[in-house]
Amino acid sequence: MRGNSSSPTAPLSAGAILALPLASGRRWREDWSAWAKASGSKLANPERVIAYESRAFMFDAALSGQAVILADLRMTAADVAVGSLV
């Protein structure tokens, strides 16, 4: 999710996050279902998670505000620090 004034206010509930457009890499398609389960929720429609061929495309989707991704903080720390990602 982008950290700008047009974004929903963070932090969001698990249900609110799962209602947003979600993206993953093809190799990590099950991550959103696992995240939902760990948060006490359920991903109602796993087919709607957009699966990209590479992490770079996933990050582009998140940075452009098109989708929410699950990513390693070590890979996103700089974008989080400047407010590009939350």
C-alpha atoms as a PDB file:
ATOM      1  CA  MET A   1       0.000   0.000   0.000  1.00  0.00           C
ATOM      2  CA  ARG A   2       1.309   3.420  -0.842  1.00  0.00           C
ATOM      3  CA  GLY A   3       1.856   5.871   1.946  1.00  0.00           C
ATOM      4  CA  ASN A   4       0.121   8.955   0.563  1.00  0.00           C
ATOM      5  CA  SER A   5      -2.902  11.025   1.444  1.00  0.00           C
ATOM      6  CA  SER A   6      -5.183   9.147  -0.977  1.00  0.00           C
ATOM      7  CA  SER A   7      -4.437   5.814   0.732  1.00  0.00           C
ATOM      8  CA  PRO A   8      -6.588   4.396   3.488  1.00  0.00           C
ATOM      9  CA  THR A   9      -5.366   5.271   6.962  1.00  0.00           C
ATOM     10  CA  ALA A  10      -2.928   2.712   8.367  1.00  0.00           C
ATOM     11  CA  PRO A  11      -3.054   0.453  10.235  1.00  0.00           C
ATOM     12  CA  LEU A  12      -5.898  -1.447   8.631  1.00  0.00           C
ATOM     13  CA  SER A  13      -7.616  -4.538   9.949  1.00  0.00           C
ATOM     14  CA  ALA A  14      -6.803  -7.873   8.334  1.00  0.00           C
ATOM     15  CA  GLY A  15     -10.255  -7.924   6.740  1.00  0.00           C
ATOM     16  CA  ALA A  16      -9.773  -4.444   5.276  1.00  0.00           C
ATOM     17  CA  ILE A  17      -6.390  -5.433   3.848  1.00  0.00           C
ATOM     18  CA  LEU A  18      -7.821  -8.612   2.311  1.00  0.00           C
ATOM     19  CA  ALA A  19     -10.533  -6.529   0.613  1.00  0.00           C
ATOM     20  CA  LEU A  20      -7.898  -4.469  -1.250  1.00  0.00           C
ATOM     21  CA  PRO A  21      -6.286  -5.550  -4.540  1.00  0.00           C
ATOM     22  CA  LEU A  22      -3.621  -8.103  -3.593  1.00  0.00           C
ATOM     23  CA  ALA A  23      -0.530  -9.185  -5.516  1.00  0.00           C
ATOM     24  CA  SER A  24       2.185 -11.782  -5.143  1.00  0.00           C
ATOM     25  CA  GLY A  25       4.915 -13.436  -7.117  1.00  0.00           C
ATOM     26  CA  ARG A  26       3.992 -16.673  -8.874  1.00  0.00           C
ATOM     27  CA  ARG A  27       6.317 -18.567  -6.530  1.00  0.00           C
ATOM     28  CA  TRP A  28       4.574 -17.100  -3.481  1.00  0.00           C
ATOM     29  CA  ARG A  29       0.895 -17.445  -4.423  1.00  0.00           C
ATOM     30  CA  GLU A  30       0.014 -19.147  -1.130  1.00  0.00           C
ATOM     31  CA  ASP A  31       1.475 -16.358   1.013  1.00  0.00           C
ATOM     32  CA  TRP A  32      -1.767 -14.375   1.177  1.00  0.00           C
ATOM     33  CA  SER A  33      -3.760 -17.416   2.323  1.00  0.00           C
ATOM     34  CA  ALA A  34      -1.135 -18.144   4.983  1.00  0.00           C
ATOM     35  CA  TRP A  35      -1.133 -14.495   6.094  1.00  0.00           C
ATOM     36  CA  ALA A  36      -4.928 -14.456   6.302  1.00  0.00           C
ATOM     37  CA  LYS A  37      -4.953 -17.638   8.363  1.00  0.00           C
ATOM     38  CA  ALA A  38      -2.247 -16.286  10.703  1.00  0.00           C
ATOM     39  CA  SER A  39      -4.317 -13.114  11.189  1.00  0.00           C
ATOM     40  CA  GLY A  40      -7.425 -15.113  12.078  1.00  0.00           C
ATOM     41  CA  SER A  41      -9.077 -14.353   8.749  1.00  0.00           C
ATOM     42  CA  LYS A  42      -9.688 -16.227   5.545  1.00  0.00           C
ATOM     43  CA  LEU A  43      -8.838 -15.231   1.994  1.00  0.00           C
ATOM     44  CA  ALA A  44     -12.275 -15.664   0.442  1.00  0.00           C
ATOM     45  CA  ASN A  45     -11.123 -15.587  -3.174  1.00  0.00           C
ATOM     46  CA  PRO A  46      -7.498 -16.706  -3.631  1.00  0.00           C
ATOM     47  CA  GLU A  47      -7.944 -16.554  -7.411  1.00  0.00           C
ATOM     48  CA  ARG A  48      -8.176 -12.765  -7.288  1.00  0.00           C
ATOM     49  CA  VAL A  49      -4.578 -12.400  -6.048  1.00  0.00           C
ATOM     50  CA  ILE A  50      -2.619 -11.062  -9.019  1.00  0.00           C
ATOM     51  CA  ALA A  51       0.469 -13.218  -9.537  1.00  0.00           C
ATOM     52  CA  TYR A  52       3.454 -11.517 -11.151  1.00  0.00           C
ATOM     53  CA  GLU A  53       6.417 -13.215 -12.767  1.00  0.00           C
ATOM     54  CA  SER A  54       8.970 -11.323 -10.689  1.00  0.00           C
ATOM     55  CA  ARG A  55       9.370  -9.428  -7.444  1.00  0.00           C
ATOM     56  CA  ALA A  56      10.171  -6.306  -9.443  1.00  0.00           C
ATOM     57  CA  PHE A  57       6.671  -6.320 -10.969  1.00  0.00           C
ATOM     58  CA  MET A  58       5.161  -6.924  -7.513  1.00  0.00           C
ATOM     59  CA  PHE A  59       7.010  -3.924  -6.094  1.00  0.00           C
ATOM     60  CA  ASP A  60       5.987  -1.780  -9.060  1.00  0.00           C
ATOM     61  CA  ALA A  61       2.345  -2.670  -8.387  1.00  0.00           C
ATOM     62  CA  ALA A  62       2.690  -1.691  -4.737  1.00  0.00           C
ATOM     63  CA  LEU A  63       4.658   1.506  -5.410  1.00  0.00           C
ATOM     64  CA  SER A  64       2.127   2.649  -7.996  1.00  0.00           C
ATOM     65  CA  GLY A  65      -0.772   2.007  -5.605  1.00  0.00           C
ATOM     66  CA  GLN A  66      -2.261  -0.785  -7.699  1.00  0.00           C
ATOM     67  CA  ALA A  67      -1.976  -3.590  -5.133  1.00  0.00           C
ATOM     68  CA  VAL A  68      -0.917  -4.617  -1.655  1.00  0.00           C
ATOM     69  CA  ILE A  69       1.997  -7.039  -1.421  1.00  0.00           C
ATOM     70  CA  LEU A  70       3.672  -9.098   1.280  1.00  0.00           C
ATOM     71  CA  ALA A  71       7.385  -8.395   1.224  1.00  0.00           C
ATOM     72  CA  ASP A  72      10.481  -8.850   3.329  1.00  0.00           C
ATOM     73  CA  LEU A  73      11.188  -5.677   5.296  1.00  0.00           C
ATOM     74  CA  ARG A  74      14.867  -5.943   4.376  1.00  0.00           C
ATOM     75  CA  MET A  75      13.852  -5.416   0.740  1.00  0.00           C
ATOM     76  CA  THR A  76      11.425  -2.583   1.433  1.00  0.00           C
ATOM     77  CA  ALA A  77      13.043  -0.698   4.334  1.00  0.00           C
ATOM     78  CA  ALA A  78      14.201   2.243   2.217  1.00  0.00           C
ATOM     79  CA  ASP A  79      10.746   2.719   0.657  1.00  0.00           C
ATOM     80  CA  VAL A  80       9.086   2.429   4.070  1.00  0.00           C
ATOM     81  CA  ALA A  81      11.544   4.965   5.539  1.00  0.00           C
ATOM     82  CA  VAL A  82      10.663   7.605   2.945  1.00  0.00           C
ATOM     83  CA  GLY A  83       6.926   6.873   3.056  1.00  0.00           C
ATOM     84  CA  SER A  84       6.599   5.291  -0.389  1.00  0.00           C
ATOM     85  CA  LEU A  85       5.330   2.092   1.250  1.00  0.00           C
ATOM     86  CA  VAL A  86       3.612   1.460   4.557  1.00  0.00           C
END
